[in-house]
Amino acid sequence: MPYQEKSAIISVFVGVIIFALYFYFTWQNFQSGLFEGADAGAQIGRSILWLIGGGIILNIIAHIGFSIIHAIVTNDQKPSFVVDERDKLIELLSLRFAYYIFGAGFLISMIALALNQSFFIVFNIIIFSAFIASLVEGLMQIFLYRRGF
């Protein structure tokens, strides 16, 4: 299994954890009524900022930890994550599908906004489409590496 495929597996796993935590805490805050009232927009903004900041930190920690464990397990002194044209093509192909999914989710959120839905619904449609796009990107990379693209 190539390094890039293992890295994609780590990205999918971390992405699922990050968004599961986000949706859990967002649901708890929604149930308690935090996203209603005059400061609902500020609460939505704070929750999205926590998602972005926490996601970046968790991804960095996971990938550094993965690199360390990979180096220890494989007993490799020099890095084995050389990127060639095939890796770039796999990344671009999976990224294209992720952009399609995110674009469709953004369009759905704008339709929801035009139908007078709350900002909470609109922003969470955007966040959910970003999650699905990230998940599809990672899973497509894994599929293409396993298929031998």
N, C-alpha and C. Protein backbone atom coordinates (compact mmCIF):
# COMPACT_ATOMS: atom_id res chain seq x y z
N MET A 1 0.85 -1.18 0.00
CA MET A 1 0.00 0.00 0.00
C MET A 1 0.90 1.23 0.00
N PRO A 2 0.72 2.11 -1.01
CA PRO A 2 1.58 3.29 -1.09
C PRO A 2 1.30 4.28 0.05
N TYR A 3 2.27 5.12 0.27
CA TYR A 3 2.18 6.13 1.33
C TYR A 3 0.97 7.04 1.11
N GLN A 4 0.73 7.43 -0.15
CA GLN A 4 -0.36 8.35 -0.44
C GLN A 4 -1.72 7.72 -0.12
N GLU A 5 -1.86 6.42 -0.36
CA GLU A 5 -3.11 5.73 -0.03
C GLU A 5 -3.32 5.69 1.48
N LYS A 6 -2.25 5.42 2.22
CA LYS A 6 -2.36 5.43 3.67
C LYS A 6 -2.70 6.82 4.19
N SER A 7 -2.11 7.84 3.57
CA SER A 7 -2.40 9.21 3.96
C SER A 7 -3.85 9.57 3.67
N ALA A 8 -4.40 9.08 2.56
CA ALA A 8 -5.80 9.32 2.24
C ALA A 8 -6.71 8.64 3.26
N ILE A 9 -6.35 7.45 3.70
CA ILE A 9 -7.13 6.74 4.72
C ILE A 9 -7.14 7.54 6.01
N ILE A 10 -5.99 8.07 6.40
CA ILE A 10 -5.89 8.90 7.60
C ILE A 10 -6.76 10.15 7.45
N SER A 11 -6.72 10.78 6.27
CA SER A 11 -7.52 11.98 6.04
C SER A 11 -9.01 11.69 6.14
N VAL A 12 -9.46 10.57 5.58
CA VAL A 12 -10.87 10.21 5.66
C VAL A 12 -11.26 9.96 7.12
N PHE A 13 -10.44 9.21 7.83
CA PHE A 13 -10.72 8.89 9.23
C PHE A 13 -10.79 10.15 10.08
N VAL A 14 -9.82 11.04 9.93
CA VAL A 14 -9.80 12.28 10.71
C VAL A 14 -10.97 13.18 10.31
N GLY A 15 -11.29 13.22 9.02
CA GLY A 15 -12.42 14.03 8.57
C GLY A 15 -13.73 13.57 9.17
N VAL A 16 -13.92 12.26 9.24
CA VAL A 16 -15.15 11.73 9.84
C VAL A 16 -15.21 12.09 11.32
N ILE A 17 -14.10 11.99 12.02
CA ILE A 17 -14.06 12.34 13.44
C ILE A 17 -14.35 13.83 13.64
N ILE A 18 -13.72 14.68 12.84
CA ILE A 18 -13.89 16.13 12.98
C ILE A 18 -15.36 16.52 12.76
N PHE A 19 -15.93 16.03 11.68
CA PHE A 19 -17.31 16.42 11.38
C PHE A 19 -18.31 15.77 12.32
N ALA A 20 -18.01 14.57 12.81
CA ALA A 20 -18.90 13.95 13.80
C ALA A 20 -18.92 14.79 15.08
N LEU A 21 -17.74 15.24 15.50
CA LEU A 21 -17.68 16.11 16.68
C LEU A 21 -18.40 17.42 16.43
N TYR A 22 -18.21 18.00 15.26
CA TYR A 22 -18.87 19.26 14.94
C TYR A 22 -20.39 19.10 14.97
N PHE A 23 -20.89 18.08 14.30
CA PHE A 23 -22.34 17.91 14.24
C PHE A 23 -22.91 17.55 15.61
N TYR A 24 -22.15 16.81 16.41
CA TYR A 24 -22.62 16.48 17.75
C TYR A 24 -22.77 17.74 18.60
N PHE A 25 -21.71 18.55 18.65
CA PHE A 25 -21.76 19.77 19.47
C PHE A 25 -22.73 20.80 18.90
N THR A 26 -22.84 20.86 17.58
CA THR A 26 -23.80 21.77 16.97
C THR A 26 -25.23 21.35 17.31
N TRP A 27 -25.48 20.05 17.28
CA TRP A 27 -26.82 19.56 17.62
C TRP A 27 -27.13 19.87 19.09
N GLN A 28 -26.14 19.68 19.97
CA GLN A 28 -26.34 19.99 21.39
C GLN A 28 -26.66 21.48 21.57
N ASN A 29 -25.92 22.34 20.88
CA ASN A 29 -26.16 23.78 20.98
C ASN A 29 -27.51 24.17 20.37
N PHE A 30 -27.89 23.48 19.30
CA PHE A 30 -29.18 23.74 18.67
C PHE A 30 -30.32 23.35 19.61
N GLN A 31 -30.18 22.22 20.28
CA GLN A 31 -31.20 21.77 21.21
C GLN A 31 -31.34 22.71 22.40
N SER A 32 -30.23 23.32 22.80
CA SER A 32 -30.29 24.24 23.94
C SER A 32 -30.74 25.64 23.53
N GLY A 33 -30.95 25.88 22.23
CA GLY A 33 -31.46 27.17 21.77
C GLY A 33 -30.41 28.22 21.53
N LEU A 34 -29.14 27.84 21.42
CA LEU A 34 -28.08 28.81 21.21
C LEU A 34 -28.14 29.48 19.83
N PHE A 35 -28.73 28.80 18.86
CA PHE A 35 -28.75 29.34 17.50
C PHE A 35 -30.04 30.10 17.19
N GLU A 36 -30.71 30.54 18.21
CA GLU A 36 -31.92 31.33 18.04
C GLU A 36 -31.70 32.68 18.73
N GLY A 37 -32.35 33.69 18.24
CA GLY A 37 -32.26 34.99 18.86
C GLY A 37 -31.38 35.95 18.09
N ALA A 38 -31.04 37.04 18.77
CA ALA A 38 -30.30 38.12 18.12
C ALA A 38 -28.86 37.75 17.80
N ASP A 39 -28.24 36.92 18.62
CA ASP A 39 -26.83 36.59 18.40
C ASP A 39 -26.66 35.21 17.74
N ALA A 40 -27.66 34.75 17.01
CA ALA A 40 -27.59 33.44 16.34
C ALA A 40 -26.49 33.42 15.29
N GLY A 41 -26.35 34.51 14.54
CA GLY A 41 -25.30 34.57 13.52
C GLY A 41 -23.91 34.48 14.12
N ALA A 42 -23.71 35.14 15.24
CA ALA A 42 -22.40 35.07 15.91
C ALA A 42 -22.12 33.66 16.42
N GLN A 43 -23.15 32.98 16.93
CA GLN A 43 -22.96 31.60 17.42
C GLN A 43 -22.63 30.66 16.27
N ILE A 44 -23.31 30.84 15.14
CA ILE A 44 -23.02 30.01 13.97
C ILE A 44 -21.59 30.26 13.51
N GLY A 45 -21.17 31.52 13.47
CA GLY A 45 -19.81 31.86 13.07
C GLY A 45 -18.77 31.25 14.01
N ARG A 46 -19.03 31.30 15.31
CA ARG A 46 -18.10 30.70 16.27
C ARG A 46 -17.98 29.20 16.08
N SER A 47 -19.11 28.55 15.85
CA SER A 47 -19.05 27.09 15.69
C SER A 47 -18.28 26.72 14.42
N ILE A 48 -18.44 27.49 13.35
CA ILE A 48 -17.71 27.21 12.12
C ILE A 48 -16.23 27.52 12.29
N LEU A 49 -15.90 28.57 13.02
CA LEU A 49 -14.48 28.86 13.29
C LEU A 49 -13.84 27.76 14.13
N TRP A 50 -14.59 27.22 15.10
CA TRP A 50 -14.06 26.09 15.88
C TRP A 50 -13.85 24.88 14.98
N LEU A 51 -14.76 24.66 14.04
CA LEU A 51 -14.61 23.55 13.10
C LEU A 51 -13.36 23.72 12.26
N ILE A 52 -13.15 24.90 11.72
CA ILE A 52 -11.99 25.14 10.87
C ILE A 52 -10.69 25.01 11.66
N GLY A 53 -10.62 25.71 12.80
CA GLY A 53 -9.40 25.65 13.62
C GLY A 53 -9.12 24.25 14.15
N GLY A 54 -10.15 23.61 14.69
CA GLY A 54 -9.97 22.25 15.21
C GLY A 54 -9.62 21.27 14.12
N GLY A 55 -10.24 21.45 12.94
CA GLY A 55 -9.94 20.56 11.82
C GLY A 55 -8.50 20.67 11.36
N ILE A 56 -8.00 21.89 11.28
CA ILE A 56 -6.61 22.10 10.86
C ILE A 56 -5.67 21.47 11.87
N ILE A 57 -5.90 21.73 13.15
CA ILE A 57 -5.02 21.21 14.20
C ILE A 57 -5.05 19.68 14.23
N LEU A 58 -6.25 19.09 14.18
CA LEU A 58 -6.34 17.62 14.21
C LEU A 58 -5.72 16.98 12.98
N ASN A 59 -5.89 17.60 11.81
CA ASN A 59 -5.27 17.06 10.60
C ASN A 59 -3.75 17.11 10.68
N ILE A 60 -3.21 18.21 11.17
CA ILE A 60 -1.75 18.33 11.30
C ILE A 60 -1.22 17.29 12.27
N ILE A 61 -1.87 17.17 13.43
CA ILE A 61 -1.42 16.19 14.43
C ILE A 61 -1.50 14.77 13.87
N ALA A 62 -2.60 14.46 13.19
CA ALA A 62 -2.78 13.11 12.65
C ALA A 62 -1.75 12.79 11.58
N HIS A 63 -1.47 13.74 10.70
CA HIS A 63 -0.51 13.46 9.63
C HIS A 63 0.93 13.41 10.15
N ILE A 64 1.25 14.23 11.12
CA ILE A 64 2.59 14.15 11.72
C ILE A 64 2.74 12.82 12.45
N GLY A 65 1.72 12.46 13.22
CA GLY A 65 1.76 11.17 13.91
C GLY A 65 1.85 10.01 12.94
N PHE A 66 1.09 10.07 11.85
CA PHE A 66 1.15 9.02 10.84
C PHE A 66 2.53 8.93 10.22
N SER A 67 3.15 10.08 9.91
CA SER A 67 4.49 10.07 9.32
C SER A 67 5.51 9.46 10.26
N ILE A 68 5.40 9.79 11.53
CA ILE A 68 6.32 9.23 12.53
C ILE A 68 6.14 7.73 12.65
N ILE A 69 4.89 7.29 12.78
CA ILE A 69 4.62 5.85 12.91
C ILE A 69 5.02 5.12 11.64
N HIS A 70 4.76 5.70 10.49
CA HIS A 70 5.13 5.07 9.22
C HIS A 70 6.64 4.91 9.13
N ALA A 71 7.40 5.93 9.55
CA ALA A 71 8.86 5.84 9.51
C ALA A 71 9.38 4.78 10.47
N ILE A 72 8.75 4.66 11.64
CA ILE A 72 9.18 3.66 12.62
C ILE A 72 8.85 2.25 12.13
N VAL A 73 7.65 2.06 11.63
CA VAL A 73 7.21 0.72 11.21
C VAL A 73 7.99 0.25 9.99
N THR A 74 8.17 1.11 9.00
CA THR A 74 8.87 0.71 7.78
C THR A 74 10.39 0.79 7.92
N ASN A 75 10.86 1.37 9.02
CA ASN A 75 12.29 1.52 9.26
C ASN A 75 12.97 2.24 8.09
N ASP A 76 12.30 3.25 7.59
CA ASP A 76 12.75 4.00 6.44
C ASP A 76 13.46 5.27 6.89
N GLN A 77 14.69 5.44 6.46
CA GLN A 77 15.46 6.62 6.86
C GLN A 77 15.14 7.84 6.01
N LYS A 78 14.85 7.61 4.73
CA LYS A 78 14.51 8.73 3.86
C LYS A 78 13.03 8.68 3.52
N PRO A 79 12.43 9.80 3.25
CA PRO A 79 10.99 9.81 3.01
C PRO A 79 10.60 9.00 1.77
N SER A 80 9.48 8.29 1.89
CA SER A 80 9.03 7.45 0.79
C SER A 80 7.80 8.02 0.12
N PHE A 81 7.57 9.29 0.32
CA PHE A 81 6.36 9.88 -0.25
C PHE A 81 6.70 10.75 -1.45
N VAL A 82 7.38 10.16 -2.42
CA VAL A 82 7.68 10.85 -3.66
C VAL A 82 6.40 10.89 -4.49
N VAL A 83 6.11 12.06 -5.05
CA VAL A 83 4.89 12.25 -5.82
C VAL A 83 5.25 12.27 -7.31
N ASP A 84 4.61 11.39 -8.07
CA ASP A 84 4.84 11.36 -9.51
C ASP A 84 3.59 11.82 -10.25
N GLU A 85 3.59 11.67 -11.58
CA GLU A 85 2.47 12.15 -12.38
C GLU A 85 1.19 11.40 -12.06
N ARG A 86 1.30 10.09 -11.79
CA ARG A 86 0.12 9.30 -11.46
C ARG A 86 -0.53 9.81 -10.16
N ASP A 87 0.29 10.10 -9.17
CA ASP A 87 -0.24 10.63 -7.91
C ASP A 87 -0.93 11.98 -8.11
N LYS A 88 -0.32 12.82 -8.92
CA LYS A 88 -0.93 14.12 -9.20
C LYS A 88 -2.25 13.96 -9.96
N LEU A 89 -2.30 13.01 -10.90
CA LEU A 89 -3.52 12.78 -11.66
C LEU A 89 -4.64 12.23 -10.76
N ILE A 90 -4.29 11.32 -9.87
CA ILE A 90 -5.27 10.79 -8.92
C ILE A 90 -5.79 11.91 -8.02
N GLU A 91 -4.90 12.75 -7.55
CA GLU A 91 -5.31 13.87 -6.69
C GLU A 91 -6.23 14.83 -7.44
N LEU A 92 -5.89 15.15 -8.67
CA LEU A 92 -6.71 16.08 -9.45
C LEU A 92 -8.08 15.49 -9.79
N LEU A 93 -8.12 14.20 -10.13
CA LEU A 93 -9.39 13.57 -10.46
C LEU A 93 -10.31 13.51 -9.25
N SER A 94 -9.77 13.15 -8.10
CA SER A 94 -10.59 13.10 -6.90
C SER A 94 -11.00 14.50 -6.44
N LEU A 95 -10.13 15.46 -6.63
CA LEU A 95 -10.45 16.84 -6.26
C LEU A 95 -11.55 17.41 -7.15
N ARG A 96 -11.56 17.01 -8.42
CA ARG A 96 -12.61 17.48 -9.33
C ARG A 96 -13.98 17.02 -8.86
N PHE A 97 -14.09 15.74 -8.47
CA PHE A 97 -15.36 15.24 -7.98
C PHE A 97 -15.76 15.92 -6.67
N ALA A 98 -14.78 16.21 -5.83
CA ALA A 98 -15.07 16.91 -4.57
C ALA A 98 -15.61 18.31 -4.85
N TYR A 99 -15.04 18.99 -5.84
CA TYR A 99 -15.55 20.32 -6.20
C TYR A 99 -16.97 20.25 -6.74
N TYR A 100 -17.28 19.23 -7.52
CA TYR A 100 -18.64 19.06 -8.02
C TYR A 100 -19.63 18.92 -6.87
N ILE A 101 -19.27 18.10 -5.90
CA ILE A 101 -20.16 17.86 -4.76
C ILE A 101 -20.32 19.12 -3.93
N PHE A 102 -19.21 19.80 -3.66
CA PHE A 102 -19.31 21.03 -2.88
C PHE A 102 -20.11 22.09 -3.63
N GLY A 103 -19.91 22.19 -4.93
CA GLY A 103 -20.67 23.15 -5.73
C GLY A 103 -22.16 22.86 -5.69
N ALA A 104 -22.52 21.58 -5.78
CA ALA A 104 -23.94 21.21 -5.70
C ALA A 104 -24.50 21.55 -4.32
N GLY A 105 -23.73 21.30 -3.27
CA GLY A 105 -24.17 21.64 -1.92
C GLY A 105 -24.33 23.13 -1.73
N PHE A 106 -23.42 23.90 -2.31
CA PHE A 106 -23.53 25.36 -2.22
C PHE A 106 -24.78 25.83 -2.95
N LEU A 107 -25.04 25.25 -4.12
CA LEU A 107 -26.24 25.61 -4.87
C LEU A 107 -27.50 25.27 -4.07
N ILE A 108 -27.52 24.11 -3.43
CA ILE A 108 -28.66 23.73 -2.59
C ILE A 108 -28.83 24.70 -1.43
N SER A 109 -27.72 25.14 -0.85
CA SER A 109 -27.83 26.10 0.26
C SER A 109 -28.38 27.45 -0.21
N MET A 110 -28.03 27.86 -1.42
CA MET A 110 -28.58 29.11 -1.95
C MET A 110 -30.06 28.98 -2.25
N ILE A 111 -30.47 27.79 -2.71
CA ILE A 111 -31.90 27.55 -2.92
C ILE A 111 -32.63 27.61 -1.57
N ALA A 112 -32.02 27.01 -0.54
CA ALA A 112 -32.63 27.06 0.79
C ALA A 112 -32.72 28.50 1.29
N LEU A 113 -31.71 29.30 1.01
CA LEU A 113 -31.74 30.71 1.40
C LEU A 113 -32.83 31.46 0.64
N ALA A 114 -33.00 31.16 -0.65
CA ALA A 114 -34.05 31.79 -1.44
C ALA A 114 -35.44 31.38 -0.96
N LEU A 115 -35.54 30.20 -0.37
CA LEU A 115 -36.81 29.72 0.17
C LEU A 115 -37.03 30.17 1.61
N ASN A 116 -36.21 31.14 2.06
CA ASN A 116 -36.36 31.77 3.36
C ASN A 116 -36.08 30.83 4.53
N GLN A 117 -35.12 29.93 4.35
CA GLN A 117 -34.69 29.08 5.46
C GLN A 117 -33.76 29.89 6.37
N SER A 118 -33.55 29.39 7.57
CA SER A 118 -32.70 30.11 8.53
C SER A 118 -31.23 30.00 8.12
N PHE A 119 -30.44 30.94 8.63
CA PHE A 119 -29.00 30.90 8.35
C PHE A 119 -28.37 29.64 8.92
N PHE A 120 -28.90 29.15 10.01
CA PHE A 120 -28.39 27.92 10.60
C PHE A 120 -28.49 26.77 9.61
N ILE A 121 -29.62 26.64 8.94
CA ILE A 121 -29.82 25.58 7.95
C ILE A 121 -28.88 25.79 6.76
N VAL A 122 -28.79 27.01 6.29
CA VAL A 122 -27.98 27.32 5.11
C VAL A 122 -26.50 27.01 5.38
N PHE A 123 -25.98 27.48 6.50
CA PHE A 123 -24.58 27.24 6.80
C PHE A 123 -24.30 25.76 7.04
N ASN A 124 -25.22 25.06 7.64
CA ASN A 124 -24.98 23.64 7.86
C ASN A 124 -25.10 22.82 6.59
N ILE A 125 -25.88 23.28 5.62
CA ILE A 125 -25.87 22.62 4.31
C ILE A 125 -24.50 22.79 3.66
N ILE A 126 -23.94 23.98 3.76
CA ILE A 126 -22.61 24.23 3.20
C ILE A 126 -21.57 23.37 3.91
N ILE A 127 -21.62 23.32 5.24
CA ILE A 127 -20.66 22.51 6.00
C ILE A 127 -20.83 21.03 5.67
N PHE A 128 -22.07 20.56 5.58
CA PHE A 128 -22.31 19.16 5.26
C PHE A 128 -21.82 18.82 3.85
N SER A 129 -22.00 19.73 2.90
CA SER A 129 -21.50 19.46 1.55
C SER A 129 -19.97 19.45 1.53
N ALA A 130 -19.34 20.29 2.35
CA ALA A 130 -17.88 20.25 2.45
C ALA A 130 -17.42 18.92 3.04
N PHE A 131 -18.15 18.41 4.03
CA PHE A 131 -17.82 17.12 4.63
C PHE A 131 -17.96 16.00 3.61
N ILE A 132 -19.07 15.97 2.89
CA ILE A 132 -19.28 14.92 1.89
C ILE A 132 -18.23 15.02 0.78
N ALA A 133 -17.90 16.24 0.36
CA ALA A 133 -16.87 16.43 -0.67
C ALA A 133 -15.52 15.93 -0.19
N SER A 134 -15.17 16.22 1.04
CA SER A 134 -13.91 15.75 1.61
C SER A 134 -13.88 14.24 1.70
N LEU A 135 -14.99 13.66 2.12
CA LEU A 135 -15.09 12.21 2.24
C LEU A 135 -14.97 11.54 0.87
N VAL A 136 -15.67 12.07 -0.12
CA VAL A 136 -15.60 11.50 -1.47
C VAL A 136 -14.21 11.65 -2.05
N GLU A 137 -13.57 12.78 -1.79
CA GLU A 137 -12.20 12.97 -2.30
C GLU A 137 -11.26 11.90 -1.75
N GLY A 138 -11.30 11.69 -0.45
CA GLY A 138 -10.42 10.68 0.15
C GLY A 138 -10.76 9.27 -0.31
N LEU A 139 -12.05 8.94 -0.34
CA LEU A 139 -12.45 7.60 -0.76
C LEU A 139 -12.13 7.35 -2.23
N MET A 140 -12.24 8.39 -3.05
CA MET A 140 -11.90 8.23 -4.46
C MET A 140 -10.39 8.03 -4.65
N GLN A 141 -9.60 8.71 -3.84
CA GLN A 141 -8.15 8.50 -3.91
C GLN A 141 -7.81 7.06 -3.53
N ILE A 142 -8.43 6.58 -2.47
CA ILE A 142 -8.19 5.20 -2.04
C ILE A 142 -8.60 4.23 -3.15
N PHE A 143 -9.78 4.46 -3.74
CA PHE A 143 -10.27 3.60 -4.81
C PHE A 143 -9.32 3.60 -6.00
N LEU A 144 -8.87 4.80 -6.42
CA LEU A 144 -7.99 4.89 -7.58
C LEU A 144 -6.63 4.26 -7.32
N TYR A 145 -6.11 4.38 -6.11
CA TYR A 145 -4.83 3.72 -5.80
C TYR A 145 -4.99 2.20 -5.79
N ARG A 146 -6.10 1.73 -5.24
CA ARG A 146 -6.32 0.28 -5.20
C ARG A 146 -6.60 -0.30 -6.58
N ARG A 147 -7.27 0.49 -7.41
CA ARG A 147 -7.58 0.04 -8.76
C ARG A 147 -6.33 -0.01 -9.62
N GLY A 148 -5.34 0.77 -9.24
CA GLY A 148 -4.10 0.80 -10.01
C GLY A 148 -4.18 1.78 -11.16
N PHE A 149 -4.76 2.92 -10.92
CA PHE A 149 -4.96 3.95 -11.95
C PHE A 149 -3.67 4.33 -12.59
